[in-house]
Amino acid sequence: MKFLTMVKGAEGQGMPPMELIEAIEKSADELTKNGKMVFRGGLYPAAQAARVRVSEGKVTVTDGPFTEAKEVVGGFAIIEFASREEAVRTAKEWAELHHRLWPVWVGETEVRQIFDGEPDFEMMQG
């Protein structure tokens, strides 16, 4: 099963410490060697982003930064896991790295399963 992990945090917390970057790289390299890492990346600040929205029959484009946004996605990964539990466990390990190596950082990682073939509509109805 493939999962998308999205690391979200408040904009403007600065660059992560090099020690954290190296620890995340080491973890990602291990997932790559095990054939689990599909794709990953970090994102530029929301000030360089745009949002395209459909509402009331109109399409609008808003350039960043987005003043109403409390959190923004700063990075993501698509990873092949055997189970949801394994995906959550890995996200928790990364959160613990953030806590230990960048203690002032505030954020979260959202873990979402990706449709792989036919979607399970019963599961989606929750």
N, C-alpha and C. Protein backbone atom coordinates (compact mmCIF):
# COMPACT_ATOMS: atom_id res chain seq x y z
N MET A 1 0.84 -1.18 0.00
CA MET A 1 0.00 0.00 0.00
C MET A 1 0.89 1.24 0.00
N LYS A 2 0.51 2.19 -0.84
CA LYS A 2 1.26 3.44 -0.88
C LYS A 2 0.58 4.47 0.02
N PHE A 3 1.40 5.26 0.70
CA PHE A 3 0.91 6.31 1.58
C PHE A 3 1.61 7.62 1.23
N LEU A 4 0.85 8.71 1.33
CA LEU A 4 1.39 10.05 1.20
C LEU A 4 1.54 10.61 2.61
N THR A 5 2.75 11.03 2.96
CA THR A 5 2.96 11.72 4.23
C THR A 5 3.22 13.18 3.91
N MET A 6 2.51 14.08 4.60
CA MET A 6 2.66 15.51 4.39
C MET A 6 3.06 16.15 5.72
N VAL A 7 4.22 16.76 5.74
CA VAL A 7 4.70 17.44 6.95
C VAL A 7 4.18 18.87 6.90
N LYS A 8 3.42 19.24 7.93
CA LYS A 8 2.81 20.57 7.99
C LYS A 8 3.36 21.31 9.20
N GLY A 9 3.58 22.59 9.03
CA GLY A 9 4.04 23.42 10.13
C GLY A 9 3.73 24.87 9.87
N ALA A 10 3.92 25.68 10.88
CA ALA A 10 3.70 27.12 10.73
C ALA A 10 4.76 27.67 9.78
N GLU A 11 4.32 28.56 8.92
CA GLU A 11 5.24 29.22 7.99
C GLU A 11 6.19 30.11 8.78
N GLY A 12 7.42 30.21 8.34
CA GLY A 12 8.36 31.15 8.95
C GLY A 12 9.10 30.63 10.16
N GLN A 13 9.15 29.31 10.36
CA GLN A 13 9.90 28.76 11.49
C GLN A 13 11.40 28.67 11.18
N GLY A 14 11.76 29.02 9.97
CA GLY A 14 13.17 28.99 9.59
C GLY A 14 13.57 27.65 9.02
N MET A 15 14.84 27.58 8.66
CA MET A 15 15.39 26.34 8.12
C MET A 15 15.62 25.36 9.26
N PRO A 16 15.36 24.08 9.01
CA PRO A 16 15.65 23.08 10.05
C PRO A 16 17.14 22.98 10.31
N PRO A 17 17.52 22.58 11.52
CA PRO A 17 18.94 22.39 11.81
C PRO A 17 19.54 21.31 10.90
N MET A 18 20.80 21.47 10.55
CA MET A 18 21.48 20.51 9.67
C MET A 18 21.43 19.10 10.25
N GLU A 19 21.51 18.97 11.56
CA GLU A 19 21.46 17.65 12.19
C GLU A 19 20.13 16.94 11.90
N LEU A 20 19.04 17.70 11.89
CA LEU A 20 17.72 17.12 11.57
C LEU A 20 17.67 16.73 10.09
N ILE A 21 18.15 17.60 9.22
CA ILE A 21 18.17 17.29 7.78
C ILE A 21 18.94 15.99 7.54
N GLU A 22 20.10 15.86 8.17
CA GLU A 22 20.92 14.65 8.00
C GLU A 22 20.21 13.41 8.53
N ALA A 23 19.50 13.53 9.66
CA ALA A 23 18.78 12.39 10.24
C ALA A 23 17.62 11.95 9.34
N ILE A 24 16.90 12.93 8.79
CA ILE A 24 15.79 12.59 7.88
C ILE A 24 16.35 11.96 6.60
N GLU A 25 17.45 12.51 6.09
CA GLU A 25 18.09 11.93 4.89
C GLU A 25 18.50 10.48 5.14
N LYS A 26 19.05 10.21 6.31
CA LYS A 26 19.48 8.84 6.64
C LYS A 26 18.27 7.91 6.65
N SER A 27 17.17 8.34 7.26
CA SER A 27 15.96 7.53 7.29
C SER A 27 15.41 7.31 5.88
N ALA A 28 15.38 8.37 5.08
CA ALA A 28 14.88 8.27 3.71
C ALA A 28 15.77 7.37 2.86
N ASP A 29 17.08 7.46 3.06
CA ASP A 29 18.01 6.59 2.32
C ASP A 29 17.76 5.12 2.64
N GLU A 30 17.47 4.84 3.90
CA GLU A 30 17.18 3.46 4.31
C GLU A 30 15.89 2.96 3.64
N LEU A 31 14.86 3.81 3.61
CA LEU A 31 13.61 3.45 2.94
C LEU A 31 13.83 3.24 1.45
N THR A 32 14.71 4.05 0.85
CA THR A 32 15.03 3.90 -0.57
C THR A 32 15.74 2.57 -0.82
N LYS A 33 16.73 2.25 0.03
CA LYS A 33 17.47 0.99 -0.12
C LYS A 33 16.54 -0.22 0.03
N ASN A 34 15.53 -0.09 0.89
CA ASN A 34 14.57 -1.18 1.11
C ASN A 34 13.49 -1.23 0.03
N GLY A 35 13.56 -0.31 -0.94
CA GLY A 35 12.59 -0.29 -2.03
C GLY A 35 11.23 0.28 -1.64
N LYS A 36 11.15 0.97 -0.50
CA LYS A 36 9.87 1.50 -0.03
C LYS A 36 9.62 2.94 -0.45
N MET A 37 10.68 3.73 -0.58
CA MET A 37 10.51 5.15 -0.92
C MET A 37 10.19 5.28 -2.39
N VAL A 38 9.06 5.88 -2.71
CA VAL A 38 8.65 6.09 -4.09
C VAL A 38 9.13 7.46 -4.57
N PHE A 39 8.85 8.51 -3.77
CA PHE A 39 9.22 9.87 -4.15
C PHE A 39 9.09 10.74 -2.91
N ARG A 40 9.93 11.78 -2.82
CA ARG A 40 9.83 12.70 -1.69
C ARG A 40 10.39 14.05 -2.08
N GLY A 41 10.05 15.05 -1.29
CA GLY A 41 10.57 16.37 -1.57
C GLY A 41 10.15 17.39 -0.54
N GLY A 42 10.87 18.48 -0.52
CA GLY A 42 10.51 19.63 0.30
C GLY A 42 9.88 20.69 -0.60
N LEU A 43 9.16 21.60 0.02
CA LEU A 43 8.45 22.62 -0.75
C LEU A 43 8.96 24.02 -0.41
N TYR A 44 8.95 24.88 -1.41
CA TYR A 44 9.30 26.28 -1.20
C TYR A 44 8.22 26.94 -0.34
N PRO A 45 8.52 28.10 0.24
CA PRO A 45 7.53 28.78 1.09
C PRO A 45 6.25 29.13 0.33
N ALA A 46 5.16 29.26 1.09
CA ALA A 46 3.85 29.58 0.51
C ALA A 46 3.85 30.94 -0.19
N ALA A 47 4.79 31.80 0.15
CA ALA A 47 4.87 33.10 -0.52
C ALA A 47 5.11 32.93 -2.02
N GLN A 48 5.66 31.80 -2.44
CA GLN A 48 5.93 31.54 -3.84
C GLN A 48 4.88 30.64 -4.48
N ALA A 49 3.80 30.36 -3.74
CA ALA A 49 2.77 29.44 -4.21
C ALA A 49 1.57 30.18 -4.80
N ALA A 50 0.66 29.41 -5.36
CA ALA A 50 -0.62 29.92 -5.84
C ALA A 50 -1.68 28.88 -5.50
N ARG A 51 -2.89 29.35 -5.26
CA ARG A 51 -4.04 28.48 -5.04
C ARG A 51 -5.04 28.73 -6.15
N VAL A 52 -5.54 27.65 -6.74
CA VAL A 52 -6.57 27.73 -7.75
C VAL A 52 -7.83 27.14 -7.12
N ARG A 53 -8.89 27.93 -7.04
CA ARG A 53 -10.09 27.54 -6.31
C ARG A 53 -11.32 27.63 -7.21
N VAL A 54 -12.24 26.68 -7.03
CA VAL A 54 -13.53 26.70 -7.69
C VAL A 54 -14.58 26.93 -6.61
N SER A 55 -15.38 27.98 -6.78
CA SER A 55 -16.43 28.29 -5.82
C SER A 55 -17.51 29.10 -6.52
N GLU A 56 -18.75 28.72 -6.29
CA GLU A 56 -19.89 29.43 -6.87
C GLU A 56 -19.76 29.59 -8.38
N GLY A 57 -19.27 28.56 -9.03
CA GLY A 57 -19.16 28.55 -10.48
C GLY A 57 -18.03 29.37 -11.05
N LYS A 58 -17.13 29.86 -10.21
CA LYS A 58 -16.00 30.66 -10.68
C LYS A 58 -14.69 30.00 -10.29
N VAL A 59 -13.70 30.19 -11.16
CA VAL A 59 -12.34 29.73 -10.88
C VAL A 59 -11.51 30.97 -10.57
N THR A 60 -10.85 30.97 -9.40
CA THR A 60 -10.01 32.10 -9.03
C THR A 60 -8.61 31.61 -8.69
N VAL A 61 -7.66 32.50 -8.87
CA VAL A 61 -6.26 32.21 -8.53
C VAL A 61 -5.82 33.22 -7.49
N THR A 62 -5.24 32.71 -6.39
CA THR A 62 -4.71 33.57 -5.33
C THR A 62 -3.24 33.27 -5.17
N ASP A 63 -2.41 34.30 -5.26
CA ASP A 63 -0.98 34.13 -5.04
C ASP A 63 -0.68 34.17 -3.55
N GLY A 64 0.33 33.39 -3.13
CA GLY A 64 0.77 33.39 -1.74
C GLY A 64 1.52 34.66 -1.42
N PRO A 65 1.79 34.93 -0.17
CA PRO A 65 1.47 34.06 0.97
C PRO A 65 -0.02 34.13 1.30
N PHE A 66 -0.47 33.14 2.04
CA PHE A 66 -1.88 33.01 2.38
C PHE A 66 -2.05 33.39 3.84
N THR A 67 -2.54 34.58 4.09
CA THR A 67 -2.59 35.12 5.46
C THR A 67 -3.48 34.31 6.37
N GLU A 68 -4.50 33.64 5.82
CA GLU A 68 -5.41 32.86 6.66
C GLU A 68 -4.85 31.49 7.04
N ALA A 69 -3.76 31.07 6.40
CA ALA A 69 -3.21 29.74 6.65
C ALA A 69 -2.44 29.72 7.97
N LYS A 70 -2.83 28.80 8.84
CA LYS A 70 -2.10 28.62 10.10
C LYS A 70 -0.93 27.65 9.90
N GLU A 71 -1.13 26.68 9.02
CA GLU A 71 -0.08 25.71 8.72
C GLU A 71 0.00 25.52 7.21
N VAL A 72 1.19 25.20 6.74
CA VAL A 72 1.39 24.90 5.33
C VAL A 72 2.18 23.59 5.22
N VAL A 73 2.02 22.91 4.08
CA VAL A 73 2.79 21.70 3.83
C VAL A 73 4.20 22.12 3.45
N GLY A 74 5.18 21.59 4.18
CA GLY A 74 6.58 21.94 3.92
C GLY A 74 7.35 20.84 3.24
N GLY A 75 6.84 19.62 3.30
CA GLY A 75 7.50 18.50 2.67
C GLY A 75 6.55 17.33 2.55
N PHE A 76 6.92 16.36 1.73
CA PHE A 76 6.05 15.21 1.50
C PHE A 76 6.88 14.00 1.10
N ALA A 77 6.28 12.84 1.23
CA ALA A 77 6.90 11.61 0.73
C ALA A 77 5.79 10.65 0.33
N ILE A 78 6.05 9.87 -0.70
CA ILE A 78 5.18 8.76 -1.07
C ILE A 78 5.99 7.50 -0.79
N ILE A 79 5.45 6.67 0.10
CA ILE A 79 6.20 5.51 0.58
C ILE A 79 5.31 4.27 0.53
N GLU A 80 5.89 3.16 0.16
CA GLU A 80 5.22 1.87 0.13
C GLU A 80 5.37 1.22 1.51
N PHE A 81 4.24 0.98 2.18
CA PHE A 81 4.25 0.33 3.48
C PHE A 81 3.36 -0.90 3.44
N ALA A 82 3.62 -1.84 4.33
CA ALA A 82 2.80 -3.05 4.41
C ALA A 82 1.45 -2.77 5.06
N SER A 83 1.39 -1.72 5.89
CA SER A 83 0.15 -1.44 6.61
C SER A 83 0.09 0.04 7.01
N ARG A 84 -1.10 0.46 7.38
CA ARG A 84 -1.28 1.82 7.90
C ARG A 84 -0.46 2.01 9.17
N GLU A 85 -0.41 0.99 9.99
CA GLU A 85 0.33 1.06 11.25
C GLU A 85 1.81 1.33 11.01
N GLU A 86 2.38 0.69 9.99
CA GLU A 86 3.79 0.93 9.65
C GLU A 86 3.99 2.37 9.18
N ALA A 87 3.06 2.89 8.40
CA ALA A 87 3.15 4.27 7.93
C ALA A 87 3.09 5.25 9.09
N VAL A 88 2.17 5.03 10.02
CA VAL A 88 2.03 5.91 11.18
C VAL A 88 3.27 5.80 12.07
N ARG A 89 3.79 4.61 12.24
CA ARG A 89 4.99 4.41 13.07
C ARG A 89 6.17 5.21 12.49
N THR A 90 6.34 5.17 11.18
CA THR A 90 7.43 5.93 10.54
C THR A 90 7.22 7.43 10.72
N ALA A 91 5.99 7.91 10.53
CA ALA A 91 5.70 9.33 10.74
C ALA A 91 5.99 9.74 12.17
N LYS A 92 5.68 8.86 13.11
CA LYS A 92 5.95 9.14 14.53
C LYS A 92 7.46 9.22 14.78
N GLU A 93 8.22 8.33 14.16
CA GLU A 93 9.69 8.37 14.30
C GLU A 93 10.23 9.70 13.78
N TRP A 94 9.71 10.18 12.64
CA TRP A 94 10.16 11.46 12.10
C TRP A 94 9.77 12.60 13.03
N ALA A 95 8.57 12.53 13.61
CA ALA A 95 8.14 13.57 14.56
C ALA A 95 9.06 13.59 15.78
N GLU A 96 9.46 12.42 16.24
CA GLU A 96 10.37 12.35 17.39
C GLU A 96 11.74 12.94 17.03
N LEU A 97 12.19 12.74 15.80
CA LEU A 97 13.44 13.37 15.35
C LEU A 97 13.30 14.89 15.38
N HIS A 98 12.17 15.40 14.89
CA HIS A 98 11.93 16.85 14.92
C HIS A 98 11.95 17.36 16.36
N HIS A 99 11.27 16.65 17.24
CA HIS A 99 11.19 17.06 18.65
C HIS A 99 12.58 17.10 19.29
N ARG A 100 13.37 16.09 19.00
CA ARG A 100 14.71 15.99 19.62
C ARG A 100 15.70 16.97 19.02
N LEU A 101 15.68 17.13 17.69
CA LEU A 101 16.71 17.90 17.00
C LEU A 101 16.30 19.34 16.66
N TRP A 102 15.02 19.66 16.78
CA TRP A 102 14.51 21.01 16.52
C TRP A 102 13.37 21.28 17.50
N PRO A 103 13.69 21.35 18.79
CA PRO A 103 12.67 21.37 19.84
C PRO A 103 11.67 22.52 19.76
N VAL A 104 11.99 23.62 19.10
CA VAL A 104 11.06 24.74 19.02
C VAL A 104 10.06 24.59 17.87
N TRP A 105 10.28 23.63 16.97
CA TRP A 105 9.40 23.43 15.82
C TRP A 105 8.04 22.92 16.28
N VAL A 106 6.99 23.44 15.66
CA VAL A 106 5.62 22.97 15.92
C VAL A 106 5.03 22.54 14.59
N GLY A 107 4.52 21.33 14.54
CA GLY A 107 3.93 20.85 13.29
C GLY A 107 3.36 19.46 13.44
N GLU A 108 2.97 18.91 12.32
CA GLU A 108 2.37 17.58 12.31
C GLU A 108 2.64 16.92 10.97
N THR A 109 2.48 15.61 10.94
CA THR A 109 2.56 14.87 9.69
C THR A 109 1.23 14.17 9.46
N GLU A 110 0.63 14.43 8.32
CA GLU A 110 -0.61 13.76 7.95
C GLU A 110 -0.24 12.55 7.10
N VAL A 111 -0.85 11.41 7.39
CA VAL A 111 -0.58 10.16 6.69
C VAL A 111 -1.86 9.74 5.98
N ARG A 112 -1.82 9.64 4.64
CA ARG A 112 -3.00 9.30 3.86
C ARG A 112 -2.68 8.17 2.88
N GLN A 113 -3.51 7.15 2.86
CA GLN A 113 -3.33 6.06 1.90
C GLN A 113 -3.73 6.55 0.51
N ILE A 114 -2.97 6.11 -0.48
CA ILE A 114 -3.20 6.47 -1.88
C ILE A 114 -3.99 5.35 -2.54
N PHE A 115 -4.96 5.72 -3.38
CA PHE A 115 -5.67 4.70 -4.15
C PHE A 115 -4.63 3.90 -4.93
N ASP A 116 -4.70 2.61 -4.82
CA ASP A 116 -3.79 1.73 -5.56
C ASP A 116 -4.67 0.72 -6.28
N GLY A 117 -5.11 1.06 -7.47
CA GLY A 117 -6.10 0.24 -8.16
C GLY A 117 -7.49 0.79 -7.86
N GLU A 118 -8.43 -0.09 -7.63
CA GLU A 118 -9.80 0.32 -7.35
C GLU A 118 -9.91 0.84 -5.92
N PRO A 119 -10.50 2.03 -5.72
CA PRO A 119 -10.68 2.54 -4.36
C PRO A 119 -11.66 1.70 -3.57
N ASP A 120 -11.44 1.62 -2.26
CA ASP A 120 -12.33 0.91 -1.35
C ASP A 120 -13.36 1.93 -0.85
N PHE A 121 -14.51 2.00 -1.54
CA PHE A 121 -15.50 3.02 -1.23
C PHE A 121 -16.11 2.83 0.15
N GLU A 122 -16.21 1.60 0.63
CA GLU A 122 -16.72 1.39 2.00
C GLU A 122 -15.79 2.05 3.01
N MET A 123 -14.49 1.89 2.84
CA MET A 123 -13.52 2.50 3.75
C MET A 123 -13.61 4.03 3.66
N MET A 124 -13.85 4.56 2.48
CA MET A 124 -13.90 6.02 2.31
C MET A 124 -15.12 6.64 2.98
N GLN A 125 -16.17 5.88 3.19
CA GLN A 125 -17.37 6.41 3.83
C GLN A 125 -17.20 6.54 5.33
N GLY A 126 -16.18 5.86 5.88
CA GLY A 126 -15.79 5.96 7.27
C GLY A 126 -16.90 5.86 8.21
